[in-house]
């Protein structure tokens, strides 16, 4: 999972969604994520599908959840 995270550029919408979900630490619907980030709903749904395919998020009955920890995100941001 660490290598999959390493491949995501922090400036992308996928990374923003991943960070948002990780720090929210609760299942969220795409529309909630879109509103929280000020992103287009279709963009959020497309990125969530990609993140789900790579195993970084999971789609549950209640919504999407991040499979990463806040530590994983912080290490990605501060790794030289």
PDB file of N, CA and C in Angstrom:
ATOM      1  N   UNK A   1       0.821  -1.190   0.000  1.00  0.00           N
ATOM      2  CA  UNK A   1       0.000   0.000   0.000  1.00  0.00           C
ATOM      3  C   UNK A   1       0.867   1.256   0.000  1.00  0.00           C
ATOM      4  N   UNK A   2       2.014   1.178   0.655  1.00  0.00           N
ATOM      5  CA  UNK A   2       2.912   2.333   0.733  1.00  0.00           C
ATOM      6  C   UNK A   2       3.386   2.762  -0.651  1.00  0.00           C
ATOM      7  N   UNK A   3       3.681   1.789  -1.535  1.00  0.00           N
ATOM      8  CA  UNK A   3       4.144   2.143  -2.875  1.00  0.00           C
ATOM      9  C   UNK A   3       3.024   2.778  -3.686  1.00  0.00           C
ATOM     10  N   UNK A   4       1.788   2.342  -3.482  1.00  0.00           N
ATOM     11  CA  UNK A   4       0.651   2.943  -4.178  1.00  0.00           C
ATOM     12  C   UNK A   4       0.465   4.390  -3.740  1.00  0.00           C
ATOM     13  N   UNK A   5       0.634   4.639  -2.460  1.00  0.00           N
ATOM     14  CA  UNK A   5       0.533   6.002  -1.944  1.00  0.00           C
ATOM     15  C   UNK A   5       1.670   6.861  -2.488  1.00  0.00           C
ATOM     16  N   UNK A   6       2.853   6.294  -2.599  1.00  0.00           N
ATOM     17  CA  UNK A   6       4.016   7.034  -3.093  1.00  0.00           C
ATOM     18  C   UNK A   6       3.823   7.508  -4.531  1.00  0.00           C
ATOM     19  N   UNK A   7       3.003   6.813  -5.292  1.00  0.00           N
ATOM     20  CA  UNK A   7       2.772   7.161  -6.698  1.00  0.00           C
ATOM     21  C   UNK A   7       1.808   8.332  -6.880  1.00  0.00           C
ATOM     22  N   UNK A   8       1.120   8.725  -5.833  1.00  0.00           N
ATOM     23  CA  UNK A   8       0.127   9.803  -5.946  1.00  0.00           C
ATOM     24  C   UNK A   8       0.770  11.150  -5.645  1.00  0.00           C
ATOM     25  N   UNK A   9       0.641  12.068  -6.589  1.00  0.00           N
ATOM     26  CA  UNK A   9       1.176  13.423  -6.429  1.00  0.00           C
ATOM     27  C   UNK A   9       0.291  14.190  -5.438  1.00  0.00           C
ATOM     28  N   UNK A  10       0.900  14.820  -4.432  1.00  0.00           N
ATOM     29  CA  UNK A  10       0.116  15.563  -3.432  1.00  0.00           C
ATOM     30  C   UNK A  10      -0.714  16.722  -3.991  1.00  0.00           C
ATOM     31  N   UNK A  11      -0.431  17.160  -5.217  1.00  0.00           N
ATOM     32  CA  UNK A  11      -1.191  18.275  -5.785  1.00  0.00           C
ATOM     33  C   UNK A  11      -2.460  17.817  -6.514  1.00  0.00           C
ATOM     34  N   UNK A  12      -2.703  16.515  -6.572  1.00  0.00           N
ATOM     35  CA  UNK A  12      -3.848  15.996  -7.318  1.00  0.00           C
ATOM     36  C   UNK A  12      -5.118  15.936  -6.474  1.00  0.00           C
ATOM     37  N   UNK A  13      -6.239  15.886  -7.165  1.00  0.00           N
ATOM     38  CA  UNK A  13      -7.518  15.756  -6.461  1.00  0.00           C
ATOM     39  C   UNK A  13      -7.614  14.404  -5.762  1.00  0.00           C
ATOM     40  N   UNK A  14      -6.990  13.375  -6.318  1.00  0.00           N
ATOM     41  CA  UNK A  14      -7.002  12.048  -5.681  1.00  0.00           C
ATOM     42  C   UNK A  14      -6.355  12.119  -4.298  1.00  0.00           C
ATOM     43  N   UNK A  15      -5.237  12.822  -4.196  1.00  0.00           N
ATOM     44  CA  UNK A  15      -4.554  12.932  -2.905  1.00  0.00           C
ATOM     45  C   UNK A  15      -5.388  13.752  -1.922  1.00  0.00           C
ATOM     46  N   UNK A  16      -5.993  14.826  -2.405  1.00  0.00           N
ATOM     47  CA  UNK A  16      -6.843  15.653  -1.536  1.00  0.00           C
ATOM     48  C   UNK A  16      -8.006  14.835  -0.973  1.00  0.00           C
ATOM     49  N   UNK A  17      -8.610  14.021  -1.824  1.00  0.00           N
ATOM     50  CA  UNK A  17      -9.716  13.165  -1.386  1.00  0.00           C
ATOM     51  C   UNK A  17      -9.227  12.156  -0.362  1.00  0.00           C
ATOM     52  N   UNK A  18      -8.079  11.566  -0.627  1.00  0.00           N
ATOM     53  CA  UNK A  18      -7.513  10.571   0.280  1.00  0.00           C
ATOM     54  C   UNK A  18      -7.204  11.178   1.649  1.00  0.00           C
ATOM     55  N   UNK A  19      -6.621  12.353   1.660  1.00  0.00           N
ATOM     56  CA  UNK A  19      -6.320  13.047   2.921  1.00  0.00           C
ATOM     57  C   UNK A  19      -7.617  13.376   3.662  1.00  0.00           C
ATOM     58  N   UNK A  20      -8.583  13.896   2.944  1.00  0.00           N
ATOM     59  CA  UNK A  20      -9.868  14.258   3.553  1.00  0.00           C
ATOM     60  C   UNK A  20     -10.511  13.049   4.224  1.00  0.00           C
ATOM     61  N   UNK A  21     -10.578  11.937   3.493  1.00  0.00           N
ATOM     62  CA  UNK A  21     -11.174  10.718   4.048  1.00  0.00           C
ATOM     63  C   UNK A  21     -10.385  10.184   5.235  1.00  0.00           C
ATOM     64  N   UNK A  22      -9.072  10.227   5.141  1.00  0.00           N
ATOM     65  CA  UNK A  22      -8.224   9.700   6.214  1.00  0.00           C
ATOM     66  C   UNK A  22      -8.422  10.490   7.501  1.00  0.00           C
ATOM     67  N   UNK A  23      -8.446  11.801   7.403  1.00  0.00           N
ATOM     68  CA  UNK A  23      -8.577  12.624   8.601  1.00  0.00           C
ATOM     69  C   UNK A  23     -10.016  12.695   9.117  1.00  0.00           C
ATOM     70  N   UNK A  24     -11.009  12.461   8.272  1.00  0.00           N
ATOM     71  CA  UNK A  24     -12.405  12.416   8.729  1.00  0.00           C
ATOM     72  C   UNK A  24     -12.651  11.151   9.540  1.00  0.00           C
ATOM     73  N   UNK A  25     -11.986  10.063   9.169  1.00  0.00           N
ATOM     74  CA  UNK A  25     -12.050   8.794   9.912  1.00  0.00           C
ATOM     75  C   UNK A  25     -13.479   8.281  10.112  1.00  0.00           C
ATOM     76  N   UNK A  26     -14.293   8.430   9.068  1.00  0.00           N
ATOM     77  CA  UNK A  26     -15.655   7.898   9.087  1.00  0.00           C
ATOM     78  C   UNK A  26     -16.100   7.700   7.638  1.00  0.00           C
ATOM     79  N   UNK A  27     -17.035   6.797   7.393  1.00  0.00           N
ATOM     80  CA  UNK A  27     -17.521   6.602   6.023  1.00  0.00           C
ATOM     81  C   UNK A  27     -18.174   7.876   5.500  1.00  0.00           C
ATOM     82  N   UNK A  28     -17.899   8.182   4.237  1.00  0.00           N
ATOM     83  CA  UNK A  28     -18.469   9.385   3.630  1.00  0.00           C
ATOM     84  C   UNK A  28     -18.931   9.084   2.219  1.00  0.00           C
ATOM     85  N   UNK A  29     -20.050   9.687   1.853  1.00  0.00           N
ATOM     86  CA  UNK A  29     -20.590   9.572   0.501  1.00  0.00           C
ATOM     87  C   UNK A  29     -19.838  10.549  -0.410  1.00  0.00           C
ATOM     88  N   UNK A  30     -19.760  10.237  -1.717  1.00  0.00           N
ATOM     89  CA  UNK A  30     -19.060  11.130  -2.644  1.00  0.00           C
ATOM     90  C   UNK A  30     -19.552  12.576  -2.593  1.00  0.00           C
ATOM     91  N   UNK A  31     -20.853  12.780  -2.452  1.00  0.00           N
ATOM     92  CA  UNK A  31     -21.392  14.144  -2.411  1.00  0.00           C
ATOM     93  C   UNK A  31     -20.905  14.901  -1.180  1.00  0.00           C
ATOM     94  N   UNK A  32     -20.755  14.213  -0.058  1.00  0.00           N
ATOM     95  CA  UNK A  32     -20.242  14.846   1.163  1.00  0.00           C
ATOM     96  C   UNK A  32     -18.781  15.257   0.978  1.00  0.00           C
ATOM     97  N   UNK A  33     -18.024  14.393   0.325  1.00  0.00           N
ATOM     98  CA  UNK A  33     -16.610  14.681   0.063  1.00  0.00           C
ATOM     99  C   UNK A  33     -16.500  15.864  -0.894  1.00  0.00           C
ATOM    100  N   UNK A  34     -17.310  15.842  -1.954  1.00  0.00           N
ATOM    101  CA  UNK A  34     -17.291  16.926  -2.940  1.00  0.00           C
ATOM    102  C   UNK A  34     -17.606  18.269  -2.286  1.00  0.00           C
ATOM    103  N   UNK A  35     -18.626  18.298  -1.441  1.00  0.00           N
ATOM    104  CA  UNK A  35     -18.988  19.542  -0.751  1.00  0.00           C
ATOM    105  C   UNK A  35     -17.883  19.985   0.201  1.00  0.00           C
ATOM    106  N   UNK A  36     -17.310  19.044   0.932  1.00  0.00           N
ATOM    107  CA  UNK A  36     -16.259  19.369   1.891  1.00  0.00           C
ATOM    108  C   UNK A  36     -15.001  19.915   1.251  1.00  0.00           C
ATOM    109  N   UNK A  37     -14.713  19.437   0.037  1.00  0.00           N
ATOM    110  CA  UNK A  37     -13.494  19.869  -0.656  1.00  0.00           C
ATOM    111  C   UNK A  37     -13.746  20.954  -1.702  1.00  0.00           C
ATOM    112  N   UNK A  38     -15.007  21.210  -2.008  1.00  0.00           N
ATOM    113  CA  UNK A  38     -15.319  22.171  -3.060  1.00  0.00           C
ATOM    114  C   UNK A  38     -14.955  21.646  -4.435  1.00  0.00           C
ATOM    115  N   UNK A  39     -15.027  20.333  -4.601  1.00  0.00           N
ATOM    116  CA  UNK A  39     -14.700  19.686  -5.878  1.00  0.00           C
ATOM    117  C   UNK A  39     -15.991  19.292  -6.592  1.00  0.00           C
ATOM    118  N   UNK A  40     -15.880  19.063  -7.889  1.00  0.00           N
ATOM    119  CA  UNK A  40     -16.990  18.584  -8.689  1.00  0.00           C
ATOM    120  C   UNK A  40     -17.327  17.151  -8.282  1.00  0.00           C
ATOM    121  N   UNK A  41     -18.597  16.829  -8.159  1.00  0.00           N
ATOM    122  CA  UNK A  41     -19.025  15.493  -7.751  1.00  0.00           C
ATOM    123  C   UNK A  41     -18.541  14.392  -8.674  1.00  0.00           C
ATOM    124  N   UNK A  42     -18.556  14.652  -9.988  1.00  0.00           N
ATOM    125  CA  UNK A  42     -18.110  13.619 -10.932  1.00  0.00           C
ATOM    126  C   UNK A  42     -16.611  13.368 -10.809  1.00  0.00           C
ATOM    127  N   UNK A  43     -15.854  14.406 -10.509  1.00  0.00           N
ATOM    128  CA  UNK A  43     -14.412  14.245 -10.292  1.00  0.00           C
ATOM    129  C   UNK A  43     -14.166  13.389  -9.058  1.00  0.00           C
ATOM    130  N   UNK A  44     -14.892  13.664  -7.998  1.00  0.00           N
ATOM    131  CA  UNK A  44     -14.735  12.905  -6.751  1.00  0.00           C
ATOM    132  C   UNK A  44     -15.082  11.441  -6.977  1.00  0.00           C
ATOM    133  N   UNK A  45     -16.185  11.172  -7.661  1.00  0.00           N
ATOM    134  CA  UNK A  45     -16.582   9.782  -7.917  1.00  0.00           C
ATOM    135  C   UNK A  45     -15.536   9.051  -8.756  1.00  0.00           C
ATOM    136  N   UNK A  46     -14.993   9.716  -9.764  1.00  0.00           N
ATOM    137  CA  UNK A  46     -13.973   9.096 -10.615  1.00  0.00           C
ATOM    138  C   UNK A  46     -12.703   8.792  -9.824  1.00  0.00           C
ATOM    139  N   UNK A  47     -12.252   9.750  -9.008  1.00  0.00           N
ATOM    140  CA  UNK A  47     -11.044   9.527  -8.201  1.00  0.00           C
ATOM    141  C   UNK A  47     -11.268   8.443  -7.156  1.00  0.00           C
ATOM    142  N   UNK A  48     -12.458   8.399  -6.553  1.00  0.00           N
ATOM    143  CA  UNK A  48     -12.766   7.359  -5.570  1.00  0.00           C
ATOM    144  C   UNK A  48     -12.718   5.974  -6.212  1.00  0.00           C
ATOM    145  N   UNK A  49     -13.217   5.864  -7.433  1.00  0.00           N
ATOM    146  CA  UNK A  49     -13.176   4.578  -8.143  1.00  0.00           C
ATOM    147  C   UNK A  49     -11.730   4.147  -8.361  1.00  0.00           C
ATOM    148  N   UNK A  50     -10.867   5.099  -8.741  1.00  0.00           N
ATOM    149  CA  UNK A  50      -9.441   4.795  -8.937  1.00  0.00           C
ATOM    150  C   UNK A  50      -8.782   4.395  -7.618  1.00  0.00           C
ATOM    151  N   UNK A  51      -9.057   5.145  -6.568  1.00  0.00           N
ATOM    152  CA  UNK A  51      -8.469   4.854  -5.255  1.00  0.00           C
ATOM    153  C   UNK A  51      -8.961   3.517  -4.713  1.00  0.00           C
ATOM    154  N   UNK A  52     -10.205   3.197  -4.991  1.00  0.00           N
ATOM    155  CA  UNK A  52     -10.762   1.911  -4.568  1.00  0.00           C
ATOM    156  C   UNK A  52     -10.063   0.768  -5.312  1.00  0.00           C
ATOM    157  N   UNK A  53      -9.828   0.973  -6.594  1.00  0.00           N
ATOM    158  CA  UNK A  53      -9.171  -0.047  -7.420  1.00  0.00           C
ATOM    159  C   UNK A  53      -7.740  -0.314  -6.946  1.00  0.00           C
ATOM    160  N   UNK A  54      -7.063   0.725  -6.474  1.00  0.00           N
ATOM    161  CA  UNK A  54      -5.681   0.562  -6.000  1.00  0.00           C
ATOM    162  C   UNK A  54      -5.607   0.095  -4.554  1.00  0.00           C
ATOM    163  N   UNK A  55      -6.758   0.006  -3.888  1.00  0.00           N
ATOM    164  CA  UNK A  55      -6.774  -0.504  -2.520  1.00  0.00           C
ATOM    165  C   UNK A  55      -6.476   0.523  -1.443  1.00  0.00           C
ATOM    166  N   UNK A  56      -6.572   1.807  -1.785  1.00  0.00           N
ATOM    167  CA  UNK A  56      -6.310   2.854  -0.796  1.00  0.00           C
ATOM    168  C   UNK A  56      -7.572   3.291  -0.059  1.00  0.00           C
ATOM    169  N   UNK A  57      -8.733   3.055  -0.675  1.00  0.00           N
ATOM    170  CA  UNK A  57     -10.013   3.307  -0.013  1.00  0.00           C
ATOM    171  C   UNK A  57     -10.907   2.088  -0.212  1.00  0.00           C
ATOM    172  N   UNK A  58     -11.933   2.004   0.619  1.00  0.00           N
ATOM    173  CA  UNK A  58     -12.897   0.917   0.507  1.00  0.00           C
ATOM    174  C   UNK A  58     -14.291   1.523   0.426  1.00  0.00           C
ATOM    175  N   UNK A  59     -15.142   0.901  -0.378  1.00  0.00           N
ATOM    176  CA  UNK A  59     -16.519   1.350  -0.531  1.00  0.00           C
ATOM    177  C   UNK A  59     -17.409   0.464   0.335  1.00  0.00           C
ATOM    178  N   UNK A  60     -17.957   1.031   1.401  1.00  0.00           N
ATOM    179  CA  UNK A  60     -18.836   0.285   2.306  1.00  0.00           C
ATOM    180  C   UNK A  60     -20.282   0.728   2.078  1.00  0.00           C
ATOM    181  N   UNK A  61     -21.211   0.083   2.742  1.00  0.00           N
ATOM    182  CA  UNK A  61     -22.624   0.477   2.634  1.00  0.00           C
ATOM    183  C   UNK A  61     -22.860   1.899   3.127  1.00  0.00           C
ATOM    184  N   UNK A  62     -22.056   2.349   4.081  1.00  0.00           N
ATOM    185  CA  UNK A  62     -22.216   3.692   4.655  1.00  0.00           C
ATOM    186  C   UNK A  62     -21.487   4.763   3.848  1.00  0.00           C
ATOM    187  N   UNK A  63     -20.565   4.370   2.995  1.00  0.00           N
ATOM    188  CA  UNK A  63     -19.782   5.315   2.208  1.00  0.00           C
ATOM    189  C   UNK A  63     -18.352   4.843   2.060  1.00  0.00           C
ATOM    190  N   UNK A  64     -17.522   5.721   1.554  1.00  0.00           N
ATOM    191  CA  UNK A  64     -16.108   5.393   1.348  1.00  0.00           C
ATOM    192  C   UNK A  64     -15.310   5.651   2.620  1.00  0.00           C
ATOM    193  N   UNK A  65     -14.327   4.786   2.867  1.00  0.00           N
ATOM    194  CA  UNK A  65     -13.411   4.960   3.994  1.00  0.00           C
ATOM    195  C   UNK A  65     -11.984   4.804   3.490  1.00  0.00           C
ATOM    196  N   UNK A  66     -11.080   5.540   4.094  1.00  0.00           N
ATOM    197  CA  UNK A  66      -9.663   5.417   3.772  1.00  0.00           C
ATOM    198  C   UNK A  66      -9.095   4.201   4.485  1.00  0.00           C
ATOM    199  N   UNK A  67      -8.219   3.488   3.807  1.00  0.00           N
ATOM    200  CA  UNK A  67      -7.540   2.348   4.416  1.00  0.00           C
ATOM    201  C   UNK A  67      -6.162   2.746   4.936  1.00  0.00           C
ATOM    202  N   UNK A  68      -5.882   4.049   4.914  1.00  0.00           N
ATOM    203  CA  UNK A  68      -4.614   4.579   5.405  1.00  0.00           C
ATOM    204  C   UNK A  68      -4.804   5.184   6.792  1.00  0.00           C
ATOM    205  N   UNK A  69      -3.696   5.429   7.444  1.00  0.00           N
ATOM    206  CA  UNK A  69      -3.724   6.125   8.729  1.00  0.00           C
ATOM    207  C   UNK A  69      -3.231   7.552   8.527  1.00  0.00           C
ATOM    208  N   UNK A  70      -3.485   8.392   9.496  1.00  0.00           N
ATOM    209  CA  UNK A  70      -2.969   9.761   9.417  1.00  0.00           C
ATOM    210  C   UNK A  70      -1.441   9.739   9.375  1.00  0.00           C
ATOM    211  N   UNK A  71      -0.836   8.761  10.023  1.00  0.00           N
ATOM    212  CA  UNK A  71       0.623   8.620  10.001  1.00  0.00           C
ATOM    213  C   UNK A  71       1.116   8.390   8.572  1.00  0.00           C
ATOM    214  N   UNK A  72       0.415   7.543   7.808  1.00  0.00           N
ATOM    215  CA  UNK A  72       0.792   7.283   6.410  1.00  0.00           C
ATOM    216  C   UNK A  72       0.801   8.579   5.605  1.00  0.00           C
ATOM    217  N   UNK A  73      -0.219   9.394   5.798  1.00  0.00           N
ATOM    218  CA  UNK A  73      -0.332  10.661   5.066  1.00  0.00           C
ATOM    219  C   UNK A  73       0.794  11.607   5.471  1.00  0.00           C
ATOM    220  N   UNK A  74       1.025  11.738   6.766  1.00  0.00           N
ATOM    221  CA  UNK A  74       2.082  12.638   7.237  1.00  0.00           C
ATOM    222  C   UNK A  74       3.451  12.203   6.736  1.00  0.00           C
ATOM    223  N   UNK A  75       3.711  10.914   6.719  1.00  0.00           N
ATOM    224  CA  UNK A  75       4.997  10.417   6.222  1.00  0.00           C
ATOM    225  C   UNK A  75       5.150  10.705   4.733  1.00  0.00           C
ATOM    226  N   UNK A  76       4.067  10.622   3.976  1.00  0.00           N
ATOM    227  CA  UNK A  76       4.093  10.944   2.549  1.00  0.00           C
ATOM    228  C   UNK A  76       4.462  12.415   2.360  1.00  0.00           C
ATOM    229  N   UNK A  77       3.900  13.280   3.181  1.00  0.00           N
ATOM    230  CA  UNK A  77       4.140  14.715   3.039  1.00  0.00           C
ATOM    231  C   UNK A  77       5.536  15.136   3.488  1.00  0.00           C
ATOM    232  N   UNK A  78       6.088  14.451   4.473  1.00  0.00           N
ATOM    233  CA  UNK A  78       7.366  14.881   5.040  1.00  0.00           C
ATOM    234  C   UNK A  78       8.547  14.011   4.671  1.00  0.00           C
ATOM    235  N   UNK A  79       8.323  13.020   3.810  1.00  0.00           N
ATOM    236  CA  UNK A  79       9.417  12.151   3.384  1.00  0.00           C
ATOM    237  C   UNK A  79      10.292  12.910   2.389  1.00  0.00           C
ATOM    238  N   UNK A  80      11.615  12.915   2.620  1.00  0.00           N
ATOM    239  CA  UNK A  80      12.508  13.668   1.712  1.00  0.00           C
ATOM    240  C   UNK A  80      12.588  13.068   0.330  1.00  0.00           C
TER     241      UNK A  80
END
